[in-house]
Structures are given as C-alpha cells and as structure tokens.
Amino acid sequence: MKPKDSKQKAIFLDRDGVIDKQIPNIHKPEDIIMLPGAVEAIRKINQSGYLTIIVTNQPDIAKGFCTFKDQEDIHQKISNILKEGEAHMDHIYICPHHPEKGFEGEITELKIDCDCRKPKPGLLTKAIQEHNIDKEQSWMIGDSKTDVVAGQRAGLKTIFLTEGGGSGSREEKDCKDAEPDYTKKNLKEAIDFITSF
C-alpha cells in the first residue's frame, strides 16, 4: 500500500445491488448471493491501483432485525468469496442508523438522524480522511440515486447502475432527479469503463 502521506485513489461501492443481489432482509451470511461478474470486477479494481471501499446503509441493525455481528459475518462471507476469486476489499464502512422510530425491538441509540446514512456523505468523507483519498481521481458506484447524491456531496465522480434494483429507502424519492456522471448496467461494465482511461 502507498505511504499514508501519499494521496490514493479509490472506487467506493455500495453493497447490496452492486456486489451482491438486492433481496429483502439480508441478515445472515447464507443470504448473500454475489452478482455475476462482481468478483472479477473487484479483482480488476485491485489490479488497477484503486482502493476498493464498500459504503453501505444497513438500517436493519437499528430496527433490531439483525446485529452488528450478523453484518460482520456477512462481510466475512463476502471477503471469503472474493479471496477465492483472488480479490479483496480494502475497507468496509457501514451506517447502522435509521431515523424513524416505532419498530418492535429497535435499538434506541441507533434511531438517530445521523451524518453517515446515504445520501449524506459521512461514510465517504470519513474514508477519504482515513485513507488520504484523492477525490478528483475517485469514484462512487451505486444502484440508487442516494448513492449518487452521497458521492456528489463528497466530491467524487459517480456512476449509477441500472441493474441493481435500487435501495428502496425513503430518501430515494428525494434524490430521484440526481444526475450521475455516467450510467452503466452493472459493476463489471462500470469498472471496465473506469479502467479504460
């Protein structure tokens, strides 16, 4: 890895709908189904000199539907699948918060209007600071317009994926008019595009 005082370039990826299939209630490792071409695309990111950083909203933690440990186990499963394909993630940033109260079993301290839930850019800005990221050379790729807005607010170039299925979050409607820099079908197509420069 480059020295910490050297600017690095990164590709930020949403998780569900970008690297794994967007299905309701992903709470256990066995729920994970990797999308076709995702492992190969991440391997190509690794080989290209970009950091691979996952930034994901996981509000079901706040709702009490799953735990931090469940999400850690999911990320370990993804990591193991990537390793088998000679690929890896450099870091995962997760927002466990959710602002709306009223769920049975919810975690009160996580039911807040935070700065890290996309479309807010908190996860991205934290990663940019911690990894000394060169924003002008870096990208945000997601399958929802909340990903696009978060990337724009963080000063990154953005790619919207049409095949992912979107987040379905309440903020998505507010972000529907956001215009990404580029639109591609899936992660493989997006990474082939970025690495063609």
C-alpha atoms as a PDB file:
ATOM      1  CA  MET A   1       0.000   0.000   0.000  1.00  0.00           C
ATOM      2  CA  LYS A   2       1.173   3.550  -0.654  1.00  0.00           C
ATOM      3  CA  PRO A   3       2.555   5.629   2.227  1.00  0.00           C
ATOM      4  CA  LYS A   4      -0.133   7.385   4.236  1.00  0.00           C
ATOM      5  CA  ASP A   5       1.167  10.816   3.177  1.00  0.00           C
ATOM      6  CA  SER A   6       0.703   9.864  -0.482  1.00  0.00           C
ATOM      7  CA  LYS A   7      -2.727  10.550  -1.990  1.00  0.00           C
ATOM      8  CA  GLN A   8      -4.579   7.406  -3.015  1.00  0.00           C
ATOM      9  CA  LYS A   9      -7.366   6.895  -5.497  1.00  0.00           C
ATOM     10  CA  ALA A  10     -10.396   4.799  -4.595  1.00  0.00           C
ATOM     11  CA  ILE A  11     -13.541   3.273  -6.004  1.00  0.00           C
ATOM     12  CA  PHE A  12     -16.371   3.387  -3.471  1.00  0.00           C
ATOM     13  CA  LEU A  13     -19.048   0.733  -3.897  1.00  0.00           C
ATOM     14  CA  ASP A  14     -22.480   0.361  -2.441  1.00  0.00           C
ATOM     15  CA  ARG A  15     -23.017  -3.251  -1.322  1.00  0.00           C
ATOM     16  CA  ASP A  16     -26.498  -4.650  -1.966  1.00  0.00           C
ATOM     17  CA  GLY A  17     -27.425  -4.446  -5.639  1.00  0.00           C
ATOM     18  CA  VAL A  18     -23.842  -3.671  -6.651  1.00  0.00           C
ATOM     19  CA  ILE A  19     -21.711  -6.607  -5.500  1.00  0.00           C
ATOM     20  CA  ASP A  20     -24.419  -8.886  -4.116  1.00  0.00           C
ATOM     21  CA  LYS A  21     -28.017  -9.446  -5.126  1.00  0.00           C
ATOM     22  CA  GLN A  22     -30.519  -6.917  -3.769  1.00  0.00           C
ATOM     23  CA  ILE A  23     -33.001  -9.016  -1.817  1.00  0.00           C
ATOM     24  CA  PRO A  24     -35.137  -8.106   1.214  1.00  0.00           C
ATOM     25  CA  ASN A  25     -33.846  -8.909   4.683  1.00  0.00           C
ATOM     26  CA  ILE A  26     -30.194  -9.810   4.154  1.00  0.00           C
ATOM     27  CA  HIS A  27     -29.394 -10.744   7.748  1.00  0.00           C
ATOM     28  CA  LYS A  28     -27.214 -13.868   7.561  1.00  0.00           C
ATOM     29  CA  PRO A  29     -24.182 -14.965   5.515  1.00  0.00           C
ATOM     30  CA  GLU A  30     -26.264 -17.609   3.744  1.00  0.00           C
ATOM     31  CA  ASP A  31     -28.471 -14.795   2.363  1.00  0.00           C
ATOM     32  CA  ILE A  32     -25.602 -13.449   0.249  1.00  0.00           C
ATOM     33  CA  ILE A  33     -25.720 -14.123  -3.482  1.00  0.00           C
ATOM     34  CA  MET A  34     -22.906 -12.437  -5.365  1.00  0.00           C
ATOM     35  CA  LEU A  35     -23.894 -10.772  -8.623  1.00  0.00           C
ATOM     36  CA  PRO A  36     -22.461 -12.139 -11.875  1.00  0.00           C
ATOM     37  CA  GLY A  37     -19.133 -10.516 -12.684  1.00  0.00           C
ATOM     38  CA  ALA A  38     -18.775  -8.799  -9.294  1.00  0.00           C
ATOM     39  CA  VAL A  39     -15.760 -10.797  -8.115  1.00  0.00           C
ATOM     40  CA  GLU A  40     -13.975 -10.277 -11.426  1.00  0.00           C
ATOM     41  CA  ALA A  41     -14.778  -6.557 -11.335  1.00  0.00           C
ATOM     42  CA  ILE A  42     -13.361  -6.156  -7.819  1.00  0.00           C
ATOM     43  CA  ARG A  43     -10.256  -8.116  -8.800  1.00  0.00           C
ATOM     44  CA  LYS A  44      -9.821  -5.671 -11.675  1.00  0.00           C
ATOM     45  CA  ILE A  45     -10.140  -2.739  -9.238  1.00  0.00           C
ATOM     46  CA  ASN A  46      -7.448  -4.329  -7.045  1.00  0.00           C
ATOM     47  CA  GLN A  47      -5.142  -4.746 -10.027  1.00  0.00           C
ATOM     48  CA  SER A  48      -5.723  -1.196 -11.269  1.00  0.00           C
ATOM     49  CA  GLY A  49      -4.245   0.614  -8.257  1.00  0.00           C
ATOM     50  CA  TYR A  50      -7.549   1.868  -6.852  1.00  0.00           C
ATOM     51  CA  LEU A  51      -8.596   1.074  -3.297  1.00  0.00           C
ATOM     52  CA  THR A  52     -11.848  -0.882  -3.042  1.00  0.00           C
ATOM     53  CA  ILE A  53     -14.031   0.647  -0.326  1.00  0.00           C
ATOM     54  CA  ILE A  54     -17.562  -0.521   0.487  1.00  0.00           C
ATOM     55  CA  VAL A  55     -20.011   2.055   1.899  1.00  0.00           C
ATOM     56  CA  THR A  56     -23.367   0.603   2.900  1.00  0.00           C
ATOM     57  CA  ASN A  57     -26.502   1.628   4.767  1.00  0.00           C
ATOM     58  CA  GLN A  58     -27.698  -1.225   6.981  1.00  0.00           C
ATOM     59  CA  PRO A  59     -30.689   0.245   8.865  1.00  0.00           C
ATOM     60  CA  ASP A  60     -31.972  -3.190   9.910  1.00  0.00           C
ATOM     61  CA  ILE A  61     -29.424  -3.054  12.747  1.00  0.00           C
ATOM     62  CA  ALA A  62     -31.207  -0.019  14.208  1.00  0.00           C
ATOM     63  CA  LYS A  63     -34.570  -1.639  13.598  1.00  0.00           C
ATOM     64  CA  GLY A  64     -33.467  -4.653  15.650  1.00  0.00           C
ATOM     65  CA  PHE A  65     -33.824  -7.079  12.741  1.00  0.00           C
ATOM     66  CA  CYS A  66     -30.132  -8.063  12.810  1.00  0.00           C
ATOM     67  CA  THR A  67     -26.986  -7.354  14.818  1.00  0.00           C
ATOM     68  CA  PHE A  68     -23.555  -5.894  14.166  1.00  0.00           C
ATOM     69  CA  LYS A  69     -22.248  -9.467  14.445  1.00  0.00           C
ATOM     70  CA  ASP A  70     -24.648 -10.604  11.716  1.00  0.00           C
ATOM     71  CA  GLN A  71     -23.261  -7.920   9.409  1.00  0.00           C
ATOM     72  CA  GLU A  72     -19.677  -8.806  10.321  1.00  0.00           C
ATOM     73  CA  ASP A  73     -20.437 -12.427   9.408  1.00  0.00           C
ATOM     74  CA  ILE A  74     -21.948 -11.298   6.094  1.00  0.00           C
ATOM     75  CA  HIS A  75     -18.865  -9.248   5.296  1.00  0.00           C
ATOM     76  CA  GLN A  76     -16.625 -12.167   6.202  1.00  0.00           C
ATOM     77  CA  LYS A  77     -18.596 -14.339   3.776  1.00  0.00           C
ATOM     78  CA  ILE A  78     -18.165 -11.736   1.020  1.00  0.00           C
ATOM     79  CA  SER A  79     -14.468 -11.461   1.857  1.00  0.00           C
ATOM     80  CA  ASN A  80     -14.060 -15.240   1.635  1.00  0.00           C
ATOM     81  CA  ILE A  81     -15.805 -15.352  -1.746  1.00  0.00           C
ATOM     82  CA  LEU A  82     -13.593 -12.550  -3.026  1.00  0.00           C
ATOM     83  CA  LYS A  83     -10.469 -14.267  -1.710  1.00  0.00           C
ATOM     84  CA  GLU A  84     -11.389 -17.418  -3.628  1.00  0.00           C
ATOM     85  CA  GLY A  85     -11.506 -15.209  -6.732  1.00  0.00           C
ATOM     86  CA  GLU A  86      -8.144 -13.570  -5.888  1.00  0.00           C
ATOM     87  CA  ALA A  87      -9.834 -10.293  -4.998  1.00  0.00           C
ATOM     88  CA  HIS A  88     -10.321  -8.263  -1.828  1.00  0.00           C
ATOM     89  CA  MET A  89     -11.995  -5.268  -0.233  1.00  0.00           C
ATOM     90  CA  ASP A  90      -9.690  -2.705   1.385  1.00  0.00           C
ATOM     91  CA  HIS A  91     -12.256  -1.397   3.865  1.00  0.00           C
ATOM     92  CA  ILE A  92     -15.967  -1.533   4.673  1.00  0.00           C
ATOM     93  CA  TYR A  93     -17.839   1.401   6.184  1.00  0.00           C
ATOM     94  CA  ILE A  94     -21.337   0.759   7.490  1.00  0.00           C
ATOM     95  CA  CYS A  95     -24.135   3.045   8.663  1.00  0.00           C
ATOM     96  CA  PRO A  96     -26.306   1.165  11.192  1.00  0.00           C
ATOM     97  CA  HIS A  97     -28.666   4.075  11.873  1.00  0.00           C
ATOM     98  CA  HIS A  98     -32.289   4.706  10.963  1.00  0.00           C
ATOM     99  CA  PRO A  99     -34.168   7.896  11.842  1.00  0.00           C
ATOM    100  CA  GLU A 100     -37.733   6.566  12.077  1.00  0.00           C
ATOM    101  CA  LYS A 101     -38.865   5.089  15.390  1.00  0.00           C
ATOM    102  CA  GLY A 102     -41.618   2.560  16.063  1.00  0.00           C
ATOM    103  CA  PHE A 103     -40.085  -0.838  15.240  1.00  0.00           C
ATOM    104  CA  GLU A 104     -40.522  -3.594  17.816  1.00  0.00           C
ATOM    105  CA  GLY A 105     -37.104  -4.492  19.201  1.00  0.00           C
ATOM    106  CA  GLU A 106     -35.420  -1.389  17.750  1.00  0.00           C
ATOM    107  CA  ILE A 107     -32.104  -0.169  19.178  1.00  0.00           C
ATOM    108  CA  THR A 108     -32.947   3.243  20.634  1.00  0.00           C
ATOM    109  CA  GLU A 109     -29.433   4.699  20.488  1.00  0.00           C
ATOM    110  CA  LEU A 110     -29.220   3.914  16.771  1.00  0.00           C
ATOM    111  CA  LYS A 111     -32.550   5.556  15.888  1.00  0.00           C
ATOM    112  CA  ILE A 112     -30.993   8.909  15.028  1.00  0.00           C
ATOM    113  CA  ASP A 113     -30.723  11.300  12.113  1.00  0.00           C
ATOM    114  CA  CYS A 114     -27.001  10.700  11.581  1.00  0.00           C
ATOM    115  CA  ASP A 115     -24.420  12.150   9.192  1.00  0.00           C
ATOM    116  CA  CYS A 116     -23.411   8.784   7.738  1.00  0.00           C
ATOM    117  CA  ARG A 117     -26.653   7.445   6.239  1.00  0.00           C
ATOM    118  CA  LYS A 118     -26.506   7.953   2.487  1.00  0.00           C
ATOM    119  CA  PRO A 119     -27.386  10.288   0.769  1.00  0.00           C
ATOM    120  CA  LYS A 120     -25.428  12.123   3.461  1.00  0.00           C
ATOM    121  CA  PRO A 121     -21.720  11.778   2.706  1.00  0.00           C
ATOM    122  CA  GLY A 122     -20.409  10.920   6.186  1.00  0.00           C
ATOM    123  CA  LEU A 123     -19.206   7.402   5.364  1.00  0.00           C
ATOM    124  CA  LEU A 124     -17.392   8.703   2.310  1.00  0.00           C
ATOM    125  CA  THR A 125     -15.808  11.717   3.975  1.00  0.00           C
ATOM    126  CA  LYS A 126     -14.573   9.522   6.843  1.00  0.00           C
ATOM    127  CA  ALA A 127     -12.975   7.116   4.375  1.00  0.00           C
ATOM    128  CA  ILE A 128     -11.466   9.989   2.379  1.00  0.00           C
ATOM    129  CA  GLN A 129      -9.800  11.321   5.530  1.00  0.00           C
ATOM    130  CA  GLU A 130      -8.664   7.965   6.897  1.00  0.00           C
ATOM    131  CA  HIS A 131      -7.178   6.737   3.610  1.00  0.00           C
ATOM    132  CA  ASN A 132      -5.919  10.082   2.283  1.00  0.00           C
ATOM    133  CA  ILE A 133      -8.072   9.770  -0.833  1.00  0.00           C
ATOM    134  CA  ASP A 134      -7.623  11.969  -3.884  1.00  0.00           C
ATOM    135  CA  LYS A 135     -11.256  12.887  -4.536  1.00  0.00           C
ATOM    136  CA  GLU A 136     -10.626  14.083  -8.079  1.00  0.00           C
ATOM    137  CA  GLN A 137      -9.380  10.628  -9.092  1.00  0.00           C
ATOM    138  CA  SER A 138     -12.003   8.654  -7.190  1.00  0.00           C
ATOM    139  CA  TRP A 139     -15.467   7.281  -7.909  1.00  0.00           C
ATOM    140  CA  MET A 140     -18.721   6.312  -6.199  1.00  0.00           C
ATOM    141  CA  ILE A 141     -20.679   3.459  -7.807  1.00  0.00           C
ATOM    142  CA  GLY A 142     -24.187   2.568  -6.676  1.00  0.00           C
ATOM    143  CA  ASP A 143     -27.562   1.308  -7.808  1.00  0.00           C
ATOM    144  CA  SER A 144     -29.600   4.043  -6.118  1.00  0.00           C
ATOM    145  CA  LYS A 145     -29.801   7.791  -6.517  1.00  0.00           C
ATOM    146  CA  THR A 146     -28.948   8.141  -2.808  1.00  0.00           C
ATOM    147  CA  ASP A 147     -25.533   6.659  -3.712  1.00  0.00           C
ATOM    148  CA  VAL A 148     -25.180   9.227  -6.492  1.00  0.00           C
ATOM    149  CA  VAL A 149     -26.024  12.141  -4.203  1.00  0.00           C
ATOM    150  CA  ALA A 150     -23.687  10.903  -1.460  1.00  0.00           C
ATOM    151  CA  GLY A 151     -20.875  10.638  -3.987  1.00  0.00           C
ATOM    152  CA  GLN A 152     -21.552  14.101  -5.366  1.00  0.00           C
ATOM    153  CA  ARG A 153     -21.643  15.625  -1.887  1.00  0.00           C
ATOM    154  CA  ALA A 154     -18.287  14.001  -1.136  1.00  0.00           C
ATOM    155  CA  GLY A 155     -16.766  15.439  -4.313  1.00  0.00           C
ATOM    156  CA  LEU A 156     -16.444  12.172  -6.252  1.00  0.00           C
ATOM    157  CA  LYS A 157     -17.287  11.202  -9.812  1.00  0.00           C
ATOM    158  CA  THR A 158     -20.394   8.996  -9.861  1.00  0.00           C
ATOM    159  CA  ILE A 159     -21.721   6.001 -11.774  1.00  0.00           C
ATOM    160  CA  PHE A 160     -25.322   4.817 -11.447  1.00  0.00           C
ATOM    161  CA  LEU A 161     -26.028   1.125 -12.116  1.00  0.00           C
ATOM    162  CA  THR A 162     -29.368   0.298 -13.705  1.00  0.00           C
ATOM    163  CA  GLU A 163     -29.455  -3.439 -12.957  1.00  0.00           C
ATOM    164  CA  GLY A 164     -29.105  -3.338  -9.163  1.00  0.00           C
ATOM    165  CA  GLY A 165     -32.653  -2.642  -8.107  1.00  0.00           C
ATOM    166  CA  GLY A 166     -32.152   0.493  -6.003  1.00  0.00           C
ATOM    167  CA  SER A 167     -32.258   0.956  -2.259  1.00  0.00           C
ATOM    168  CA  GLY A 168     -35.975   1.442  -1.707  1.00  0.00           C
ATOM    169  CA  SER A 169     -35.154   3.878   1.084  1.00  0.00           C
ATOM    170  CA  ARG A 170     -37.397   6.792   1.979  1.00  0.00           C
ATOM    171  CA  GLU A 171     -34.701   9.198   0.764  1.00  0.00           C
ATOM    172  CA  GLU A 172     -34.651   7.714  -2.732  1.00  0.00           C
ATOM    173  CA  LYS A 173     -37.676   9.751  -3.828  1.00  0.00           C
ATOM    174  CA  ASP A 174     -35.964  12.971  -2.745  1.00  0.00           C
ATOM    175  CA  CYS A 175     -32.906  12.063  -4.834  1.00  0.00           C
ATOM    176  CA  LYS A 176     -34.714  10.847  -7.975  1.00  0.00           C
ATOM    177  CA  ASP A 177     -33.633  13.823 -10.088  1.00  0.00           C
ATOM    178  CA  ALA A 178     -29.931  13.419  -9.286  1.00  0.00           C
ATOM    179  CA  GLU A 179     -27.850  13.065 -12.440  1.00  0.00           C
ATOM    180  CA  PRO A 180     -24.785  10.799 -12.214  1.00  0.00           C
ATOM    181  CA  ASP A 181     -21.690  11.470 -14.281  1.00  0.00           C
ATOM    182  CA  TYR A 182     -22.219   8.152 -16.056  1.00  0.00           C
ATOM    183  CA  THR A 183     -24.796   5.353 -16.164  1.00  0.00           C
ATOM    184  CA  LYS A 184     -23.848   1.702 -16.676  1.00  0.00           C
ATOM    185  CA  LYS A 185     -25.702  -1.592 -16.398  1.00  0.00           C
ATOM    186  CA  ASN A 186     -23.629  -3.364 -13.759  1.00  0.00           C
ATOM    187  CA  LEU A 187     -20.370  -3.295 -11.823  1.00  0.00           C
ATOM    188  CA  LYS A 188     -18.367  -5.115 -14.467  1.00  0.00           C
ATOM    189  CA  GLU A 189     -19.383  -2.591 -17.117  1.00  0.00           C
ATOM    190  CA  ALA A 190     -18.594   0.303 -14.769  1.00  0.00           C
ATOM    191  CA  ILE A 191     -15.137  -0.992 -13.857  1.00  0.00           C
ATOM    192  CA  ASP A 192     -14.284  -1.803 -17.469  1.00  0.00           C
ATOM    193  CA  PHE A 193     -15.189   1.812 -18.250  1.00  0.00           C
ATOM    194  CA  ILE A 194     -13.143   3.359 -15.412  1.00  0.00           C
ATOM    195  CA  THR A 195     -10.057   1.277 -16.119  1.00  0.00           C
ATOM    196  CA  SER A 196     -10.178   2.051 -19.841  1.00  0.00           C
ATOM    197  CA  PHE A 197      -8.816   5.577 -19.303  1.00  0.00           C
END
